[in-house]
Amino acid sequence: MKLPEDGILLRIFIGESDRKGWKSLYEQIVYKAKELDLAGATVVRGIMGFGANSRIHTAKLLRVSEDMPLIIEIVDSEEYIQRILPFLDEVLQDGMVTMEKVRVIRYAHKKE
């Protein structure tokens, strides 16, 4: 059964080596999303990219970067997405955050 609804796609662009304290930033963001009861979070590792500093990061065989680009994607209602924004303000020093309205089509089994 299809369950369409409106939502917000939150994308957080950071580097793999970004940290806040002793723990990687992407882990802290995912755990915070779980703690705040958001629907889910996915971390995607890029194979090439550059950011504000214009330095290219690539996963080529002979030059393996330890700071690959990461995108953390979270889709939920606007109300739930708003819960994590103060935390992002606190922990992000470099990076970029985007938000856009999305149409979510969730597939679920029919209960018999």
C-alpha atoms as a PDB file:
ATOM      1  CA  MET A   1       0.000   0.000   0.000  1.00  0.00           C
ATOM      2  CA  LYS A   2       1.311   3.484  -0.885  1.00  0.00           C
ATOM      3  CA  LEU A   3       1.181   6.135   1.843  1.00  0.00           C
ATOM      4  CA  PRO A   4       1.980   9.563   0.309  1.00  0.00           C
ATOM      5  CA  GLU A   5       2.685  12.533   2.551  1.00  0.00           C
ATOM      6  CA  ASP A   6       4.595  15.814   2.549  1.00  0.00           C
ATOM      7  CA  GLY A   7       7.976  15.998   4.218  1.00  0.00           C
ATOM      8  CA  ILE A   8      11.305  17.783   4.390  1.00  0.00           C
ATOM      9  CA  LEU A   9      14.595  16.429   3.059  1.00  0.00           C
ATOM     10  CA  LEU A  10      17.485  17.647   5.192  1.00  0.00           C
ATOM     11  CA  ARG A  11      20.946  17.218   3.673  1.00  0.00           C
ATOM     12  CA  ILE A  12      24.085  17.871   5.670  1.00  0.00           C
ATOM     13  CA  PHE A  13      27.328  18.139   3.673  1.00  0.00           C
ATOM     14  CA  ILE A  14      30.487  17.567   5.730  1.00  0.00           C
ATOM     15  CA  GLY A  15      33.869  15.876   5.450  1.00  0.00           C
ATOM     16  CA  GLU A  16      34.595  12.359   6.648  1.00  0.00           C
ATOM     17  CA  SER A  17      37.330  13.603   8.986  1.00  0.00           C
ATOM     18  CA  ASP A  18      35.125  16.260  10.645  1.00  0.00           C
ATOM     19  CA  ARG A  19      34.905  15.752  14.393  1.00  0.00           C
ATOM     20  CA  LYS A  20      33.334  17.374  17.385  1.00  0.00           C
ATOM     21  CA  GLY A  21      35.333  16.269  20.397  1.00  0.00           C
ATOM     22  CA  TRP A  22      36.514  12.667  20.202  1.00  0.00           C
ATOM     23  CA  LYS A  23      33.755  11.287  17.942  1.00  0.00           C
ATOM     24  CA  SER A  24      33.189  11.682  14.214  1.00  0.00           C
ATOM     25  CA  LEU A  25      30.640  14.345  13.393  1.00  0.00           C
ATOM     26  CA  TYR A  26      28.560  12.150  11.099  1.00  0.00           C
ATOM     27  CA  GLU A  27      28.114   9.577  13.898  1.00  0.00           C
ATOM     28  CA  GLN A  28      27.079  12.265  16.353  1.00  0.00           C
ATOM     29  CA  ILE A  29      24.478  13.600  13.922  1.00  0.00           C
ATOM     30  CA  VAL A  30      23.011  10.150  13.220  1.00  0.00           C
ATOM     31  CA  TYR A  31      22.850   9.267  16.925  1.00  0.00           C
ATOM     32  CA  LYS A  32      21.227  12.635  17.677  1.00  0.00           C
ATOM     33  CA  ALA A  33      18.628  12.023  14.959  1.00  0.00           C
ATOM     34  CA  LYS A  34      17.851   8.651  16.571  1.00  0.00           C
ATOM     35  CA  GLU A  35      17.665  10.225  20.037  1.00  0.00           C
ATOM     36  CA  LEU A  36      15.212  12.845  18.708  1.00  0.00           C
ATOM     37  CA  ASP A  37      13.043  10.080  17.210  1.00  0.00           C
ATOM     38  CA  LEU A  38      13.482  11.175  13.602  1.00  0.00           C
ATOM     39  CA  ALA A  39      12.292   8.709  10.955  1.00  0.00           C
ATOM     40  CA  GLY A  40      15.806   7.737   9.841  1.00  0.00           C
ATOM     41  CA  ALA A  41      19.175   8.973   8.659  1.00  0.00           C
ATOM     42  CA  THR A  42      21.525   7.780   5.932  1.00  0.00           C
ATOM     43  CA  VAL A  43      25.192   8.682   5.497  1.00  0.00           C
ATOM     44  CA  VAL A  44      26.421   8.631   1.902  1.00  0.00           C
ATOM     45  CA  ARG A  45      30.160   8.716   1.158  1.00  0.00           C
ATOM     46  CA  GLY A  46      31.128  10.553  -2.006  1.00  0.00           C
ATOM     47  CA  ILE A  47      33.886   9.353  -4.297  1.00  0.00           C
ATOM     48  CA  MET A  48      34.924  12.867  -5.289  1.00  0.00           C
ATOM     49  CA  GLY A  49      34.087  16.429  -4.363  1.00  0.00           C
ATOM     50  CA  PHE A  50      35.212  19.802  -3.099  1.00  0.00           C
ATOM     51  CA  GLY A  51      33.839  22.346  -0.694  1.00  0.00           C
ATOM     52  CA  ALA A  52      34.328  25.953   0.315  1.00  0.00           C
ATOM     53  CA  ASN A  53      38.127  25.560   0.507  1.00  0.00           C
ATOM     54  CA  SER A  54      38.156  24.359  -3.151  1.00  0.00           C
ATOM     55  CA  ARG A  55      40.437  21.406  -2.304  1.00  0.00           C
ATOM     56  CA  ILE A  56      39.546  18.313  -4.353  1.00  0.00           C
ATOM     57  CA  HIS A  57      38.938  15.109  -2.371  1.00  0.00           C
ATOM     58  CA  THR A  58      39.021  11.899  -4.382  1.00  0.00           C
ATOM     59  CA  ALA A  59      39.047   8.139  -3.864  1.00  0.00           C
ATOM     60  CA  LYS A  60      41.417   7.342  -6.719  1.00  0.00           C
ATOM     61  CA  LEU A  61      43.462   4.205  -6.152  1.00  0.00           C
ATOM     62  CA  LEU A  62      46.878   5.862  -5.823  1.00  0.00           C
ATOM     63  CA  ARG A  63      45.653   8.811  -3.778  1.00  0.00           C
ATOM     64  CA  VAL A  64      43.147   7.782  -1.149  1.00  0.00           C
ATOM     65  CA  SER A  65      41.820  10.792   0.711  1.00  0.00           C
ATOM     66  CA  GLU A  66      40.987  10.409   4.372  1.00  0.00           C
ATOM     67  CA  ASP A  67      38.540  13.287   4.139  1.00  0.00           C
ATOM     68  CA  MET A  68      35.977  12.141   1.593  1.00  0.00           C
ATOM     69  CA  PRO A  69      32.788  14.158   1.211  1.00  0.00           C
ATOM     70  CA  LEU A  70      29.807  12.872   3.209  1.00  0.00           C
ATOM     71  CA  ILE A  71      26.128  13.664   2.883  1.00  0.00           C
ATOM     72  CA  ILE A  72      23.780  12.860   5.738  1.00  0.00           C
ATOM     73  CA  GLU A  73      20.189  12.651   4.527  1.00  0.00           C
ATOM     74  CA  ILE A  74      17.186  12.777   6.828  1.00  0.00           C
ATOM     75  CA  VAL A  75      13.570  12.810   5.627  1.00  0.00           C
ATOM     76  CA  ASP A  76      10.774  13.531   8.072  1.00  0.00           C
ATOM     77  CA  SER A  77       7.984  16.004   8.774  1.00  0.00           C
ATOM     78  CA  GLU A  78       8.961  19.650   9.146  1.00  0.00           C
ATOM     79  CA  GLU A  79       8.112  19.452  12.857  1.00  0.00           C
ATOM     80  CA  TYR A  80      10.608  16.636  13.421  1.00  0.00           C
ATOM     81  CA  ILE A  81      13.331  18.155  11.204  1.00  0.00           C
ATOM     82  CA  GLN A  82      13.112  21.348  13.305  1.00  0.00           C
ATOM     83  CA  ARG A  83      14.135  19.294  16.354  1.00  0.00           C
ATOM     84  CA  ILE A  84      17.666  18.651  15.067  1.00  0.00           C
ATOM     85  CA  LEU A  85      18.473  22.146  13.749  1.00  0.00           C
ATOM     86  CA  PRO A  86      19.644  23.582  17.129  1.00  0.00           C
ATOM     87  CA  PHE A  87      22.033  20.627  17.487  1.00  0.00           C
ATOM     88  CA  LEU A  88      23.431  21.260  13.992  1.00  0.00           C
ATOM     89  CA  ASP A  89      23.966  24.929  14.888  1.00  0.00           C
ATOM     90  CA  GLU A  90      25.971  23.739  17.883  1.00  0.00           C
ATOM     91  CA  VAL A  91      28.193  21.126  16.189  1.00  0.00           C
ATOM     92  CA  LEU A  92      28.754  22.334  12.614  1.00  0.00           C
ATOM     93  CA  GLN A  93      31.736  24.561  12.008  1.00  0.00           C
ATOM     94  CA  ASP A  94      32.294  23.822   8.314  1.00  0.00           C
ATOM     95  CA  GLY A  95      29.860  22.334   5.884  1.00  0.00           C
ATOM     96  CA  MET A  96      26.504  23.114   4.392  1.00  0.00           C
ATOM     97  CA  VAL A  97      22.911  22.240   5.211  1.00  0.00           C
ATOM     98  CA  THR A  98      20.060  22.244   2.707  1.00  0.00           C
ATOM     99  CA  MET A  99      16.354  21.673   3.231  1.00  0.00           C
ATOM    100  CA  GLU A 100      13.706  21.101   0.614  1.00  0.00           C
ATOM    101  CA  LYS A 101      10.087  20.066   0.528  1.00  0.00           C
ATOM    102  CA  VAL A 102       9.572  16.544  -0.742  1.00  0.00           C
ATOM    103  CA  ARG A 103       6.675  14.248  -1.461  1.00  0.00           C
ATOM    104  CA  VAL A 104       7.248  11.030   0.463  1.00  0.00           C
ATOM    105  CA  ILE A 105       5.721   7.819  -0.809  1.00  0.00           C
ATOM    106  CA  ARG A 106       6.084   5.195   1.845  1.00  0.00           C
ATOM    107  CA  TYR A 107       5.369   1.593   1.012  1.00  0.00           C
ATOM    108  CA  ALA A 108       3.887  -0.553   3.760  1.00  0.00           C
ATOM    109  CA  HIS A 109       2.377  -4.017   3.923  1.00  0.00           C
ATOM    110  CA  LYS A 110      -1.360  -4.253   4.359  1.00  0.00           C
ATOM    111  CA  LYS A 111      -2.336  -5.595   7.746  1.00  0.00           C
ATOM    112  CA  GLU A 112      -4.493  -8.667   7.415  1.00  0.00           C
END
